[in-house]
Amino acid sequence: MAQLSLYLDNNTYDKVEFAADSGGVSISKYVTSIIKEHFDSQWTPDYPGLFGSVTDDTFFPCGAEKITEDTARESI
């Protein structure tokens, strides 16, 4: 298992220690859970590539109507 050294100011350390004690876990387990929660709630790096990837013509978001014409635009 990898190890990490983390340097905190005293005020922040006291808060982390209190939160870990309140949760009945070690500081290491508490910080690990916070880090995991952060990364588990992130989109995967390839997520933006999914936009426009559905090729099924019958697929429309719920309540969306099929757009057949674009809005007229002014020349600049």
Protein backbone atom coordinates (compact mmCIF):
# COMPACT_ATOMS: atom_id res chain seq x y z
CA MET A 1 0.00 0.00 0.00
CA ALA A 2 1.29 3.46 -0.91
CA GLN A 3 1.97 6.06 1.73
CA LEU A 4 1.49 9.81 1.59
CA SER A 5 2.94 12.54 3.77
CA LEU A 6 0.52 15.39 4.28
CA TYR A 7 1.51 18.69 5.87
CA LEU A 8 -1.31 20.64 7.52
CA ASP A 9 -1.41 23.76 9.63
CA ASN A 10 -2.41 23.11 13.24
CA ASN A 11 -5.95 24.45 12.86
CA THR A 12 -6.69 22.20 9.88
CA TYR A 13 -5.11 19.20 11.57
CA ASP A 14 -7.27 19.75 14.66
CA LYS A 15 -10.40 19.77 12.45
CA VAL A 16 -9.35 16.59 10.66
CA GLU A 17 -8.54 14.89 13.94
CA PHE A 18 -11.89 15.92 15.44
CA ALA A 19 -13.81 14.68 12.37
CA ALA A 20 -11.98 11.35 12.41
CA ASP A 21 -12.57 10.91 16.14
CA SER A 22 -16.25 11.82 15.71
CA GLY A 23 -16.58 9.19 13.00
CA GLY A 24 -14.75 6.58 15.04
CA VAL A 25 -12.01 6.08 12.45
CA SER A 26 -8.31 6.81 12.21
CA ILE A 27 -7.12 10.01 10.60
CA SER A 28 -5.70 7.94 7.74
CA LYS A 29 -9.05 6.25 7.06
CA TYR A 30 -10.89 9.56 7.32
CA VAL A 31 -8.62 11.35 4.84
CA THR A 32 -8.71 8.33 2.51
CA SER A 33 -12.52 8.39 2.51
CA ILE A 34 -12.54 12.11 1.65
CA ILE A 35 -10.10 11.59 -1.25
CA LYS A 36 -12.06 8.60 -2.59
CA GLU A 37 -15.33 10.53 -2.36
CA HIS A 38 -13.77 13.37 -4.35
CA PHE A 39 -12.59 11.14 -7.18
CA ASP A 40 -15.69 8.94 -7.22
CA SER A 41 -17.86 12.00 -7.80
CA GLN A 42 -15.88 13.19 -10.83
CA TRP A 43 -16.74 12.54 -14.46
CA THR A 44 -14.40 10.17 -16.27
CA PRO A 45 -11.87 11.86 -18.60
CA ASP A 46 -13.61 10.49 -21.71
CA TYR A 47 -17.06 11.77 -20.66
CA PRO A 48 -17.08 14.85 -22.98
CA GLY A 49 -16.47 12.53 -25.95
CA LEU A 50 -19.90 10.97 -25.38
CA PHE A 51 -21.76 14.08 -26.56
CA GLY A 52 -23.19 13.45 -30.00
CA SER A 53 -22.24 9.78 -29.92
CA VAL A 54 -25.84 8.49 -30.06
CA THR A 55 -26.64 7.68 -33.69
CA ASP A 56 -30.21 6.43 -33.14
CA ASP A 57 -32.57 8.85 -34.95
CA THR A 58 -35.41 7.88 -32.62
CA PHE A 59 -33.53 9.01 -29.50
CA PHE A 60 -34.66 12.32 -28.02
CA PRO A 61 -34.40 13.53 -24.44
CA CYS A 62 -37.69 13.26 -22.57
CA GLY A 63 -39.96 16.14 -23.59
CA ALA A 64 -37.70 17.36 -26.39
CA GLU A 65 -39.13 17.87 -29.84
CA LYS A 66 -37.21 17.07 -32.99
CA ILE A 67 -35.67 20.28 -34.33
CA THR A 68 -35.92 20.37 -38.11
CA GLU A 69 -35.10 24.01 -38.87
CA ASP A 70 -32.42 26.31 -37.55
CA THR A 71 -33.10 29.85 -36.40
CA ALA A 72 -32.47 32.57 -38.98
CA ARG A 73 -29.24 34.40 -38.31
CA GLU A 74 -28.12 37.92 -39.08
CA SER A 75 -24.96 38.57 -41.06
CA ILE A 76 -22.34 40.48 -39.12
